[in-house]
Amino acid sequence: MKTKFITTLLLLFTTLSIAKAQTIDVTIELKKYIETKYKDALILEIEEDGINIEVEIIHNKKRKDLVFNKLGIWQSTKYDIKRSELPEKIKKIIKKSKYSSYKIDDVEVIETPTKSLYELGLDKWFGDEITIYVTLEGKII
């Protein structure tokens, strides 16, 4: 009985040590990625939710939220920009669309490995709020 208990403890300790080593390796890979893609970024927080690893940074005076999978592979980055930073081309497309009666309230940029989008929060006079997505080329999706 005592031998079985000791064996179980050793197995548990070994499993925890391996898991800890893998987490450390992933964290190192995340930091390498951030140093390469977001030079001089300040890492504020690294948080794991069981599915993804979320990293909050400050880069070019903007707070950015990065999402990585459990293997440390980058999935997306999301950050706010000012309305004034939204390209005129995009503003004109909104004004000529079915959303012309809405006002652009807030703008976020979403970057993924395959595409980048603007997430626009639009408001109407009586509190009607919607969110639309626009490609960098100006296509509303």
C-alpha atoms as a PDB file:
ATOM      1  CA  MET A   1       0.000   0.000   0.000  1.00  0.00           C
ATOM      2  CA  LYS A   2       2.798   2.364   0.962  1.00  0.00           C
ATOM      3  CA  THR A   3       4.695   1.538  -2.258  1.00  0.00           C
ATOM      4  CA  LYS A   4       1.582   2.197  -4.360  1.00  0.00           C
ATOM      5  CA  PHE A   5       1.113   5.571  -2.647  1.00  0.00           C
ATOM      6  CA  ILE A   6       4.751   6.579  -3.254  1.00  0.00           C
ATOM      7  CA  THR A   7       4.547   5.453  -6.886  1.00  0.00           C
ATOM      8  CA  THR A   8       1.372   7.515  -7.371  1.00  0.00           C
ATOM      9  CA  LEU A   9       3.035  10.578  -5.828  1.00  0.00           C
ATOM     10  CA  LEU A  10       6.101  10.182  -8.053  1.00  0.00           C
ATOM     11  CA  LEU A  11       3.918   9.829 -11.143  1.00  0.00           C
ATOM     12  CA  LEU A  12       1.917  12.918 -10.183  1.00  0.00           C
ATOM     13  CA  PHE A  13       5.084  14.923  -9.519  1.00  0.00           C
ATOM     14  CA  THR A  14       6.577  13.856 -12.863  1.00  0.00           C
ATOM     15  CA  THR A  15       3.372  14.798 -14.728  1.00  0.00           C
ATOM     16  CA  LEU A  16       3.227  18.199 -13.049  1.00  0.00           C
ATOM     17  CA  SER A  17       6.904  18.828 -13.814  1.00  0.00           C
ATOM     18  CA  ILE A  18       6.409  18.009 -17.498  1.00  0.00           C
ATOM     19  CA  ALA A  19       3.301  20.233 -17.690  1.00  0.00           C
ATOM     20  CA  LYS A  20       5.169  23.075 -15.992  1.00  0.00           C
ATOM     21  CA  ALA A  21       8.101  22.712 -18.412  1.00  0.00           C
ATOM     22  CA  GLN A  22       5.713  22.848 -21.396  1.00  0.00           C
ATOM     23  CA  THR A  23       4.054  25.997 -20.033  1.00  0.00           C
ATOM     24  CA  ILE A  24       7.440  27.659 -19.575  1.00  0.00           C
ATOM     25  CA  ASP A  25       8.433  26.735 -23.153  1.00  0.00           C
ATOM     26  CA  VAL A  26       5.172  28.188 -24.531  1.00  0.00           C
ATOM     27  CA  THR A  27       5.667  31.399 -22.546  1.00  0.00           C
ATOM     28  CA  ILE A  28       9.183  31.732 -23.947  1.00  0.00           C
ATOM     29  CA  GLU A  29       7.829  31.239 -27.491  1.00  0.00           C
ATOM     30  CA  LEU A  30       5.116  33.865 -26.907  1.00  0.00           C
ATOM     31  CA  LYS A  31       7.679  36.379 -25.721  1.00  0.00           C
ATOM     32  CA  LYS A  32       9.909  35.667 -28.737  1.00  0.00           C
ATOM     33  CA  TYR A  33       6.958  36.213 -31.077  1.00  0.00           C
ATOM     34  CA  ILE A  34       6.006  39.466 -29.358  1.00  0.00           C
ATOM     35  CA  GLU A  35       9.605  40.733 -29.431  1.00  0.00           C
ATOM     36  CA  THR A  36       9.755  40.018 -33.169  1.00  0.00           C
ATOM     37  CA  LYS A  37       6.323  41.303 -34.284  1.00  0.00           C
ATOM     38  CA  TYR A  38       5.809  44.049 -31.690  1.00  0.00           C
ATOM     39  CA  LYS A  39       9.291  45.437 -31.127  1.00  0.00           C
ATOM     40  CA  ASP A  40       9.653  47.311 -27.824  1.00  0.00           C
ATOM     41  CA  ALA A  41       6.219  46.179 -26.591  1.00  0.00           C
ATOM     42  CA  LEU A  42       5.576  46.072 -22.874  1.00  0.00           C
ATOM     43  CA  ILE A  43       3.864  42.857 -21.722  1.00  0.00           C
ATOM     44  CA  LEU A  44       1.232  43.742 -19.126  1.00  0.00           C
ATOM     45  CA  GLU A  45      -0.388  40.370 -18.511  1.00  0.00           C
ATOM     46  CA  ILE A  46      -0.346  36.757 -19.668  1.00  0.00           C
ATOM     47  CA  GLU A  47      -3.493  34.813 -18.877  1.00  0.00           C
ATOM     48  CA  GLU A  48      -4.503  31.247 -19.723  1.00  0.00           C
ATOM     49  CA  ASP A  49      -8.154  30.226 -19.943  1.00  0.00           C
ATOM     50  CA  GLY A  50      -7.646  26.537 -20.669  1.00  0.00           C
ATOM     51  CA  ILE A  51      -8.192  26.945 -24.414  1.00  0.00           C
ATOM     52  CA  ASN A  52      -6.146  30.011 -25.314  1.00  0.00           C
ATOM     53  CA  ILE A  53      -3.404  32.161 -23.917  1.00  0.00           C
ATOM     54  CA  GLU A  54      -4.258  35.860 -23.865  1.00  0.00           C
ATOM     55  CA  VAL A  55      -1.502  38.420 -23.689  1.00  0.00           C
ATOM     56  CA  GLU A  56      -2.087  42.111 -23.076  1.00  0.00           C
ATOM     57  CA  ILE A  57       0.639  44.456 -24.302  1.00  0.00           C
ATOM     58  CA  ILE A  58       1.327  48.111 -24.929  1.00  0.00           C
ATOM     59  CA  HIS A  59       2.811  48.721 -28.366  1.00  0.00           C
ATOM     60  CA  ASN A  60       3.174  52.091 -30.093  1.00  0.00           C
ATOM     61  CA  LYS A  61       1.198  53.682 -27.232  1.00  0.00           C
ATOM     62  CA  LYS A  62      -1.757  51.353 -27.838  1.00  0.00           C
ATOM     63  CA  ARG A  63      -3.081  48.623 -25.599  1.00  0.00           C
ATOM     64  CA  LYS A  64      -3.347  45.423 -27.659  1.00  0.00           C
ATOM     65  CA  ASP A  65      -4.855  42.047 -26.848  1.00  0.00           C
ATOM     66  CA  LEU A  66      -3.111  39.064 -28.430  1.00  0.00           C
ATOM     67  CA  VAL A  67      -4.532  35.547 -28.478  1.00  0.00           C
ATOM     68  CA  PHE A  68      -2.393  32.426 -28.882  1.00  0.00           C
ATOM     69  CA  ASN A  69      -3.474  28.790 -28.896  1.00  0.00           C
ATOM     70  CA  LYS A  70      -2.163  26.376 -26.245  1.00  0.00           C
ATOM     71  CA  LEU A  71       0.848  25.588 -28.430  1.00  0.00           C
ATOM     72  CA  GLY A  72       1.838  29.256 -28.474  1.00  0.00           C
ATOM     73  CA  ILE A  73       0.771  29.905 -32.078  1.00  0.00           C
ATOM     74  CA  TRP A  74      -0.566  33.417 -32.653  1.00  0.00           C
ATOM     75  CA  GLN A  75      -4.288  33.529 -33.500  1.00  0.00           C
ATOM     76  CA  SER A  76      -5.282  37.198 -33.385  1.00  0.00           C
ATOM     77  CA  THR A  77      -4.577  40.716 -32.196  1.00  0.00           C
ATOM     78  CA  LYS A  78      -7.261  43.270 -31.355  1.00  0.00           C
ATOM     79  CA  TYR A  79      -6.846  46.938 -30.470  1.00  0.00           C
ATOM     80  CA  ASP A  80      -8.738  50.243 -30.473  1.00  0.00           C
ATOM     81  CA  ILE A  81      -7.973  53.097 -32.801  1.00  0.00           C
ATOM     82  CA  LYS A  82      -9.399  56.605 -32.834  1.00  0.00           C
ATOM     83  CA  ARG A  83     -12.137  57.441 -35.353  1.00  0.00           C
ATOM     84  CA  SER A  84      -9.709  59.936 -36.834  1.00  0.00           C
ATOM     85  CA  GLU A  85      -7.291  57.061 -37.550  1.00  0.00           C
ATOM     86  CA  LEU A  86      -9.874  55.204 -39.645  1.00  0.00           C
ATOM     87  CA  PRO A  87      -8.958  55.684 -43.325  1.00  0.00           C
ATOM     88  CA  GLU A  88     -11.146  58.164 -45.252  1.00  0.00           C
ATOM     89  CA  LYS A  89     -11.828  55.426 -47.805  1.00  0.00           C
ATOM     90  CA  ILE A  90     -13.596  53.369 -45.121  1.00  0.00           C
ATOM     91  CA  LYS A  91     -15.560  56.363 -43.800  1.00  0.00           C
ATOM     92  CA  LYS A  92     -16.808  57.149 -47.333  1.00  0.00           C
ATOM     93  CA  ILE A  93     -17.889  53.552 -47.890  1.00  0.00           C
ATOM     94  CA  ILE A  94     -19.943  53.655 -44.678  1.00  0.00           C
ATOM     95  CA  LYS A  95     -21.537  56.973 -45.701  1.00  0.00           C
ATOM     96  CA  LYS A  96     -22.591  55.481 -49.057  1.00  0.00           C
ATOM     97  CA  SER A  97     -23.890  52.236 -47.531  1.00  0.00           C
ATOM     98  CA  LYS A  98     -27.143  51.270 -45.826  1.00  0.00           C
ATOM     99  CA  TYR A  99     -25.412  52.365 -42.593  1.00  0.00           C
ATOM    100  CA  SER A 100     -25.193  56.026 -43.666  1.00  0.00           C
ATOM    101  CA  SER A 101     -27.642  57.116 -40.942  1.00  0.00           C
ATOM    102  CA  TYR A 102     -25.361  55.693 -38.249  1.00  0.00           C
ATOM    103  CA  LYS A 103     -22.485  57.458 -36.518  1.00  0.00           C
ATOM    104  CA  ILE A 104     -19.190  55.634 -36.029  1.00  0.00           C
ATOM    105  CA  ASP A 105     -18.847  55.333 -32.268  1.00  0.00           C
ATOM    106  CA  ASP A 106     -15.771  53.181 -31.832  1.00  0.00           C
ATOM    107  CA  VAL A 107     -13.235  51.402 -34.018  1.00  0.00           C
ATOM    108  CA  GLU A 108     -11.146  48.316 -33.365  1.00  0.00           C
ATOM    109  CA  VAL A 109      -8.625  46.619 -35.586  1.00  0.00           C
ATOM    110  CA  ILE A 110      -8.661  42.825 -35.662  1.00  0.00           C
ATOM    111  CA  GLU A 111      -5.640  41.081 -37.167  1.00  0.00           C
ATOM    112  CA  THR A 112      -5.485  37.328 -37.819  1.00  0.00           C
ATOM    113  CA  PRO A 113      -3.016  35.191 -39.776  1.00  0.00           C
ATOM    114  CA  THR A 114      -5.345  35.288 -42.815  1.00  0.00           C
ATOM    115  CA  LYS A 115      -6.974  38.738 -42.719  1.00  0.00           C
ATOM    116  CA  SER A 116      -7.305  42.085 -41.014  1.00  0.00           C
ATOM    117  CA  LEU A 117     -10.601  43.858 -40.346  1.00  0.00           C
ATOM    118  CA  TYR A 118     -12.063  46.966 -38.828  1.00  0.00           C
ATOM    119  CA  GLU A 119     -14.749  46.304 -36.223  1.00  0.00           C
ATOM    120  CA  LEU A 120     -16.987  49.361 -36.219  1.00  0.00           C
ATOM    121  CA  GLY A 121     -19.453  50.124 -33.440  1.00  0.00           C
ATOM    122  CA  LEU A 122     -22.205  52.234 -34.995  1.00  0.00           C
ATOM    123  CA  ASP A 123     -24.843  54.273 -33.151  1.00  0.00           C
ATOM    124  CA  LYS A 124     -28.089  55.808 -34.281  1.00  0.00           C
ATOM    125  CA  TRP A 125     -29.929  58.693 -32.735  1.00  0.00           C
ATOM    126  CA  PHE A 126     -32.247  56.680 -30.462  1.00  0.00           C
ATOM    127  CA  GLY A 127     -29.751  54.238 -29.048  1.00  0.00           C
ATOM    128  CA  ASP A 128     -29.846  51.756 -31.924  1.00  0.00           C
ATOM    129  CA  GLU A 129     -26.378  50.202 -31.822  1.00  0.00           C
ATOM    130  CA  ILE A 130     -24.856  47.705 -34.231  1.00  0.00           C
ATOM    131  CA  THR A 131     -21.437  46.278 -34.973  1.00  0.00           C
ATOM    132  CA  ILE A 132     -20.190  45.745 -38.505  1.00  0.00           C
ATOM    133  CA  TYR A 133     -16.933  44.441 -39.938  1.00  0.00           C
ATOM    134  CA  VAL A 134     -15.104  46.009 -42.853  1.00  0.00           C
ATOM    135  CA  THR A 135     -12.050  44.654 -44.646  1.00  0.00           C
ATOM    136  CA  LEU A 136      -9.013  46.883 -45.115  1.00  0.00           C
ATOM    137  CA  GLU A 137     -10.060  47.109 -48.771  1.00  0.00           C
ATOM    138  CA  GLY A 138     -13.463  48.504 -47.742  1.00  0.00           C
ATOM    139  CA  LYS A 139     -15.783  45.528 -48.167  1.00  0.00           C
ATOM    140  CA  ILE A 140     -18.523  45.350 -45.519  1.00  0.00           C
ATOM    141  CA  ILE A 141     -18.927  41.748 -44.363  1.00  0.00           C
END
